[in-house]
């Protein structure tokens, strides 16, 4: 949401002043979402590596 959109909304609905946080926070929320995706991908990769290690160990025992 742009600052201009925020000003229009607040002019018509003063009770929605809390939306200012949305204007200020959107870049930070984007960074958090990107970091979450990065962490999730890292977690998935670790699970795959762990599953492969278990499979290799099981084959070695047989």
PDB file of N, CA and C in Angstrom:
ATOM      1  N   UNK A   1       0.851  -1.167   0.000  1.00  0.00           N
ATOM      2  CA  UNK A   1       0.000   0.000   0.000  1.00  0.00           C
ATOM      3  C   UNK A   1       0.899   1.233   0.000  1.00  0.00           C
ATOM      4  N   UNK A   2       0.575   2.172  -0.833  1.00  0.00           N
ATOM      5  CA  UNK A   2       1.356   3.405  -0.901  1.00  0.00           C
ATOM      6  C   UNK A   2       0.884   4.386   0.161  1.00  0.00           C
ATOM      7  N   UNK A   3       1.705   5.387   0.397  1.00  0.00           N
ATOM      8  CA  UNK A   3       1.344   6.427   1.360  1.00  0.00           C
ATOM      9  C   UNK A   3       0.093   7.171   0.895  1.00  0.00           C
ATOM     10  N   UNK A   4      -0.017   7.390  -0.400  1.00  0.00           N
ATOM     11  CA  UNK A   4      -1.191   8.077  -0.939  1.00  0.00           C
ATOM     12  C   UNK A   4      -2.465   7.279  -0.660  1.00  0.00           C
ATOM     13  N   UNK A   5      -2.416   5.972  -0.875  1.00  0.00           N
ATOM     14  CA  UNK A   5      -3.585   5.130  -0.598  1.00  0.00           C
ATOM     15  C   UNK A   5      -3.934   5.177   0.884  1.00  0.00           C
ATOM     16  N   UNK A   6      -2.910   5.141   1.730  1.00  0.00           N
ATOM     17  CA  UNK A   6      -3.136   5.216   3.178  1.00  0.00           C
ATOM     18  C   UNK A   6      -3.848   6.513   3.553  1.00  0.00           C
ATOM     19  N   UNK A   7      -3.388   7.619   3.001  1.00  0.00           N
ATOM     20  CA  UNK A   7      -3.990   8.916   3.329  1.00  0.00           C
ATOM     21  C   UNK A   7      -5.453   8.983   2.904  1.00  0.00           C
ATOM     22  N   UNK A   8      -5.777   8.417   1.757  1.00  0.00           N
ATOM     23  CA  UNK A   8      -7.168   8.404   1.295  1.00  0.00           C
ATOM     24  C   UNK A   8      -8.033   7.574   2.242  1.00  0.00           C
ATOM     25  N   UNK A   9      -7.535   6.416   2.625  1.00  0.00           N
ATOM     26  CA  UNK A   9      -8.293   5.531   3.523  1.00  0.00           C
ATOM     27  C   UNK A   9      -8.533   6.210   4.865  1.00  0.00           C
ATOM     28  N   UNK A  10      -7.486   6.809   5.442  1.00  0.00           N
ATOM     29  CA  UNK A  10      -7.601   7.433   6.764  1.00  0.00           C
ATOM     30  C   UNK A  10      -8.519   8.654   6.719  1.00  0.00           C
ATOM     31  N   UNK A  11      -8.513   9.369   5.622  1.00  0.00           N
ATOM     32  CA  UNK A  11      -9.396  10.531   5.495  1.00  0.00           C
ATOM     33  C   UNK A  11     -10.856  10.088   5.587  1.00  0.00           C
ATOM     34  N   UNK A  12     -11.181   8.961   4.968  1.00  0.00           N
ATOM     35  CA  UNK A  12     -12.562   8.480   4.968  1.00  0.00           C
ATOM     36  C   UNK A  12     -12.891   7.629   6.192  1.00  0.00           C
ATOM     37  N   UNK A  13     -11.875   6.965   6.752  1.00  0.00           N
ATOM     38  CA  UNK A  13     -12.088   6.061   7.890  1.00  0.00           C
ATOM     39  C   UNK A  13     -10.988   6.284   8.932  1.00  0.00           C
ATOM     40  N   UNK A  14     -11.105   7.310   9.778  1.00  0.00           N
ATOM     41  CA  UNK A  14     -10.057   7.632  10.755  1.00  0.00           C
ATOM     42  C   UNK A  14      -9.732   6.480  11.711  1.00  0.00           C
ATOM     43  N   UNK A  15     -10.689   5.587  11.943  1.00  0.00           N
ATOM     44  CA  UNK A  15     -10.443   4.481  12.869  1.00  0.00           C
ATOM     45  C   UNK A  15      -9.407   3.489  12.327  1.00  0.00           C
ATOM     46  N   UNK A  16      -9.040   3.633  11.066  1.00  0.00           N
ATOM     47  CA  UNK A  16      -8.083   2.698  10.463  1.00  0.00           C
ATOM     48  C   UNK A  16      -6.656   3.258  10.434  1.00  0.00           C
ATOM     49  N   UNK A  17      -6.344   4.165  11.347  1.00  0.00           N
ATOM     50  CA  UNK A  17      -4.998   4.749  11.385  1.00  0.00           C
ATOM     51  C   UNK A  17      -3.915   3.696  11.619  1.00  0.00           C
ATOM     52  N   UNK A  18      -4.271   2.581  12.236  1.00  0.00           N
ATOM     53  CA  UNK A  18      -3.287   1.526  12.495  1.00  0.00           C
ATOM     54  C   UNK A  18      -2.702   0.971  11.198  1.00  0.00           C
ATOM     55  N   UNK A  19      -3.375   1.199  10.070  1.00  0.00           N
ATOM     56  CA  UNK A  19      -2.862   0.701   8.793  1.00  0.00           C
ATOM     57  C   UNK A  19      -1.527   1.336   8.422  1.00  0.00           C
ATOM     58  N   UNK A  20      -1.161   2.408   9.094  1.00  0.00           N
ATOM     59  CA  UNK A  20       0.138   3.043   8.834  1.00  0.00           C
ATOM     60  C   UNK A  20       1.255   2.023   9.009  1.00  0.00           C
ATOM     61  N   UNK A  21       1.071   1.105   9.937  1.00  0.00           N
ATOM     62  CA  UNK A  21       2.073   0.061  10.138  1.00  0.00           C
ATOM     63  C   UNK A  21       2.255  -0.772   8.877  1.00  0.00           C
ATOM     64  N   UNK A  22       1.186  -0.982   8.139  1.00  0.00           N
ATOM     65  CA  UNK A  22       1.283  -1.754   6.896  1.00  0.00           C
ATOM     66  C   UNK A  22       2.176  -1.038   5.890  1.00  0.00           C
ATOM     67  N   UNK A  23       2.070   0.293   5.834  1.00  0.00           N
ATOM     68  CA  UNK A  23       2.900   1.074   4.923  1.00  0.00           C
ATOM     69  C   UNK A  23       4.361   0.965   5.341  1.00  0.00           C
ATOM     70  N   UNK A  24       4.617   1.068   6.649  1.00  0.00           N
ATOM     71  CA  UNK A  24       5.988   1.054   7.153  1.00  0.00           C
ATOM     72  C   UNK A  24       6.597  -0.342   7.179  1.00  0.00           C
ATOM     73  N   UNK A  25       5.778  -1.360   7.332  1.00  0.00           N
ATOM     74  CA  UNK A  25       6.297  -2.701   7.581  1.00  0.00           C
ATOM     75  C   UNK A  25       6.465  -3.566   6.338  1.00  0.00           C
ATOM     76  N   UNK A  26       5.873  -3.208   5.198  1.00  0.00           N
ATOM     77  CA  UNK A  26       5.887  -4.154   4.085  1.00  0.00           C
ATOM     78  C   UNK A  26       7.285  -4.558   3.631  1.00  0.00           C
ATOM     79  N   UNK A  27       8.302  -3.672   3.635  1.00  0.00           N
ATOM     80  CA  UNK A  27       9.628  -4.155   3.224  1.00  0.00           C
ATOM     81  C   UNK A  27      10.190  -5.184   4.202  1.00  0.00           C
ATOM     82  N   UNK A  28       9.947  -4.965   5.484  1.00  0.00           N
ATOM     83  CA  UNK A  28      10.440  -5.888   6.506  1.00  0.00           C
ATOM     84  C   UNK A  28       9.731  -7.231   6.388  1.00  0.00           C
ATOM     85  N   UNK A  29       8.423  -7.197   6.149  1.00  0.00           N
ATOM     86  CA  UNK A  29       7.679  -8.442   5.989  1.00  0.00           C
ATOM     87  C   UNK A  29       8.182  -9.217   4.783  1.00  0.00           C
ATOM     88  N   UNK A  30       8.573  -8.521   3.726  1.00  0.00           N
ATOM     89  CA  UNK A  30       9.147  -9.187   2.556  1.00  0.00           C
ATOM     90  C   UNK A  30      10.456  -9.877   2.900  1.00  0.00           C
ATOM     91  N   UNK A  31      11.290  -9.220   3.695  1.00  0.00           N
ATOM     92  CA  UNK A  31      12.556  -9.831   4.114  1.00  0.00           C
ATOM     93  C   UNK A  31      12.316 -11.056   4.983  1.00  0.00           C
ATOM     94  N   UNK A  32      11.337 -10.963   5.882  1.00  0.00           N
ATOM     95  CA  UNK A  32      11.011 -12.097   6.746  1.00  0.00           C
ATOM     96  C   UNK A  32      10.521 -13.271   5.903  1.00  0.00           C
ATOM     97  N   UNK A  33       9.662 -13.001   4.927  1.00  0.00           N
ATOM     98  CA  UNK A  33       9.153 -14.074   4.060  1.00  0.00           C
ATOM     99  C   UNK A  33      10.287 -14.724   3.279  1.00  0.00           C
ATOM    100  N   UNK A  34      11.220 -13.921   2.772  1.00  0.00           N
ATOM    101  CA  UNK A  34      12.351 -14.470   2.020  1.00  0.00           C
ATOM    102  C   UNK A  34      13.225 -15.332   2.924  1.00  0.00           C
ATOM    103  N   UNK A  35      13.476 -14.875   4.142  1.00  0.00           N
ATOM    104  CA  UNK A  35      14.305 -15.645   5.079  1.00  0.00           C
ATOM    105  C   UNK A  35      13.607 -16.942   5.460  1.00  0.00           C
ATOM    106  N   UNK A  36      12.285 -16.894   5.661  1.00  0.00           N
ATOM    107  CA  UNK A  36      11.522 -18.092   6.001  1.00  0.00           C
ATOM    108  C   UNK A  36      11.647 -19.128   4.888  1.00  0.00           C
ATOM    109  N   UNK A  37      11.524 -18.689   3.636  1.00  0.00           N
ATOM    110  CA  UNK A  37      11.655 -19.598   2.496  1.00  0.00           C
ATOM    111  C   UNK A  37      13.051 -20.193   2.459  1.00  0.00           C
ATOM    112  N   UNK A  38      14.048 -19.365   2.692  1.00  0.00           N
ATOM    113  CA  UNK A  38      15.431 -19.832   2.691  1.00  0.00           C
ATOM    114  C   UNK A  38      15.642 -20.881   3.783  1.00  0.00           C
ATOM    115  N   UNK A  39      15.119 -20.627   4.981  1.00  0.00           N
ATOM    116  CA  UNK A  39      15.264 -21.573   6.085  1.00  0.00           C
ATOM    117  C   UNK A  39      14.520 -22.868   5.780  1.00  0.00           C
ATOM    118  N   UNK A  40      13.338 -22.766   5.179  1.00  0.00           N
ATOM    119  CA  UNK A  40      12.554 -23.948   4.852  1.00  0.00           C
ATOM    120  C   UNK A  40      13.292 -24.798   3.832  1.00  0.00           C
ATOM    121  N   UNK A  41      13.865 -24.163   2.810  1.00  0.00           N
ATOM    122  CA  UNK A  41      14.624 -24.903   1.802  1.00  0.00           C
ATOM    123  C   UNK A  41      15.830 -25.588   2.430  1.00  0.00           C
ATOM    124  N   UNK A  42      16.508 -24.898   3.333  1.00  0.00           N
ATOM    125  CA  UNK A  42      17.660 -25.473   4.020  1.00  0.00           C
ATOM    126  C   UNK A  42      17.231 -26.686   4.848  1.00  0.00           C
ATOM    127  N   UNK A  43      16.097 -26.569   5.533  1.00  0.00           N
ATOM    128  CA  UNK A  43      15.580 -27.672   6.342  1.00  0.00           C
ATOM    129  C   UNK A  43      15.253 -28.875   5.459  1.00  0.00           C
ATOM    130  N   UNK A  44      14.596 -28.636   4.326  1.00  0.00           N
ATOM    131  CA  UNK A  44      14.269 -29.730   3.410  1.00  0.00           C
ATOM    132  C   UNK A  44      15.527 -30.415   2.903  1.00  0.00           C
ATOM    133  N   UNK A  45      16.545 -29.616   2.574  1.00  0.00           N
ATOM    134  CA  UNK A  45      17.804 -30.169   2.077  1.00  0.00           C
ATOM    135  C   UNK A  45      18.446 -31.044   3.154  1.00  0.00           C
ATOM    136  N   UNK A  46      18.420 -30.589   4.404  1.00  0.00           N
ATOM    137  CA  UNK A  46      18.989 -31.380   5.495  1.00  0.00           C
ATOM    138  C   UNK A  46      18.237 -32.688   5.687  1.00  0.00           C
ATOM    139  N   UNK A  47      16.929 -32.661   5.535  1.00  0.00           N
ATOM    140  CA  UNK A  47      16.140 -33.885   5.665  1.00  0.00           C
ATOM    141  C   UNK A  47      16.534 -34.871   4.569  1.00  0.00           C
ATOM    142  N   UNK A  48      16.663 -34.374   3.325  1.00  0.00           N
ATOM    143  CA  UNK A  48      17.052 -35.257   2.216  1.00  0.00           C
ATOM    144  C   UNK A  48      18.429 -35.855   2.459  1.00  0.00           C
ATOM    145  N   UNK A  49      19.364 -35.032   2.938  1.00  0.00           N
ATOM    146  CA  UNK A  49      20.716 -35.527   3.217  1.00  0.00           C
ATOM    147  C   UNK A  49      20.662 -36.587   4.311  1.00  0.00           C
ATOM    148  N   UNK A  50      19.866 -36.352   5.350  1.00  0.00           N
ATOM    149  CA  UNK A  50      19.725 -37.325   6.435  1.00  0.00           C
ATOM    150  C   UNK A  50      19.096 -38.618   5.961  1.00  0.00           C
ATOM    151  N   UNK A  51      18.085 -38.528   5.121  1.00  0.00           N
ATOM    152  CA  UNK A  51      17.440 -39.730   4.594  1.00  0.00           C
ATOM    153  C   UNK A  51      18.415 -40.519   3.737  1.00  0.00           C
ATOM    154  N   UNK A  52      19.223 -39.819   2.944  1.00  0.00           N
ATOM    155  CA  UNK A  52      20.207 -40.499   2.099  1.00  0.00           C
ATOM    156  C   UNK A  52      21.257 -41.188   2.966  1.00  0.00           C
ATOM    157  N   UNK A  53      21.685 -40.540   4.048  1.00  0.00           N
ATOM    158  CA  UNK A  53      22.678 -41.140   4.942  1.00  0.00           C
ATOM    159  C   UNK A  53      22.121 -42.402   5.592  1.00  0.00           C
ATOM    160  N   UNK A  54      20.859 -42.373   6.006  1.00  0.00           N
ATOM    161  CA  UNK A  54      20.233 -43.560   6.602  1.00  0.00           C
ATOM    162  C   UNK A  54      20.148 -44.679   5.572  1.00  0.00           C
ATOM    163  N   UNK A  55      19.760 -44.348   4.348  1.00  0.00           N
ATOM    164  CA  UNK A  55      19.656 -45.361   3.293  1.00  0.00           C
ATOM    165  C   UNK A  55      21.022 -45.971   3.006  1.00  0.00           C
ATOM    166  N   UNK A  56      22.066 -45.159   2.951  1.00  0.00           N
ATOM    167  CA  UNK A  56      23.415 -45.674   2.699  1.00  0.00           C
ATOM    168  C   UNK A  56      23.871 -46.574   3.841  1.00  0.00           C
ATOM    169  N   UNK A  57      23.590 -46.171   5.065  1.00  0.00           N
ATOM    170  CA  UNK A  57      23.987 -46.958   6.229  1.00  0.00           C
ATOM    171  C   UNK A  57      23.263 -48.307   6.238  1.00  0.00           C
ATOM    172  N   UNK A  58      21.988 -48.304   5.884  1.00  0.00           N
ATOM    173  CA  UNK A  58      21.201 -49.538   5.842  1.00  0.00           C
ATOM    174  C   UNK A  58      21.761 -50.483   4.789  1.00  0.00           C
ATOM    175  N   UNK A  59      22.151 -49.947   3.638  1.00  0.00           N
ATOM    176  CA  UNK A  59      22.728 -50.784   2.572  1.00  0.00           C
ATOM    177  C   UNK A  59      24.059 -51.382   3.008  1.00  0.00           C
ATOM    178  N   UNK A  60      24.865 -50.615   3.734  1.00  0.00           N
ATOM    179  CA  UNK A  60      26.171 -51.104   4.181  1.00  0.00           C
ATOM    180  C   UNK A  60      26.020 -52.260   5.163  1.00  0.00           C
ATOM    181  N   UNK A  61      24.989 -52.223   5.995  1.00  0.00           N
ATOM    182  CA  UNK A  61      24.778 -53.286   6.975  1.00  0.00           C
ATOM    183  C   UNK A  61      24.308 -54.574   6.312  1.00  0.00           C
ATOM    184  N   UNK A  62      23.626 -54.471   5.194  1.00  0.00           N
ATOM    185  CA  UNK A  62      23.042 -55.651   4.537  1.00  0.00           C
ATOM    186  C   UNK A  62      24.040 -56.452   3.775  1.00  0.00           C
TER     187      UNK A  62
END
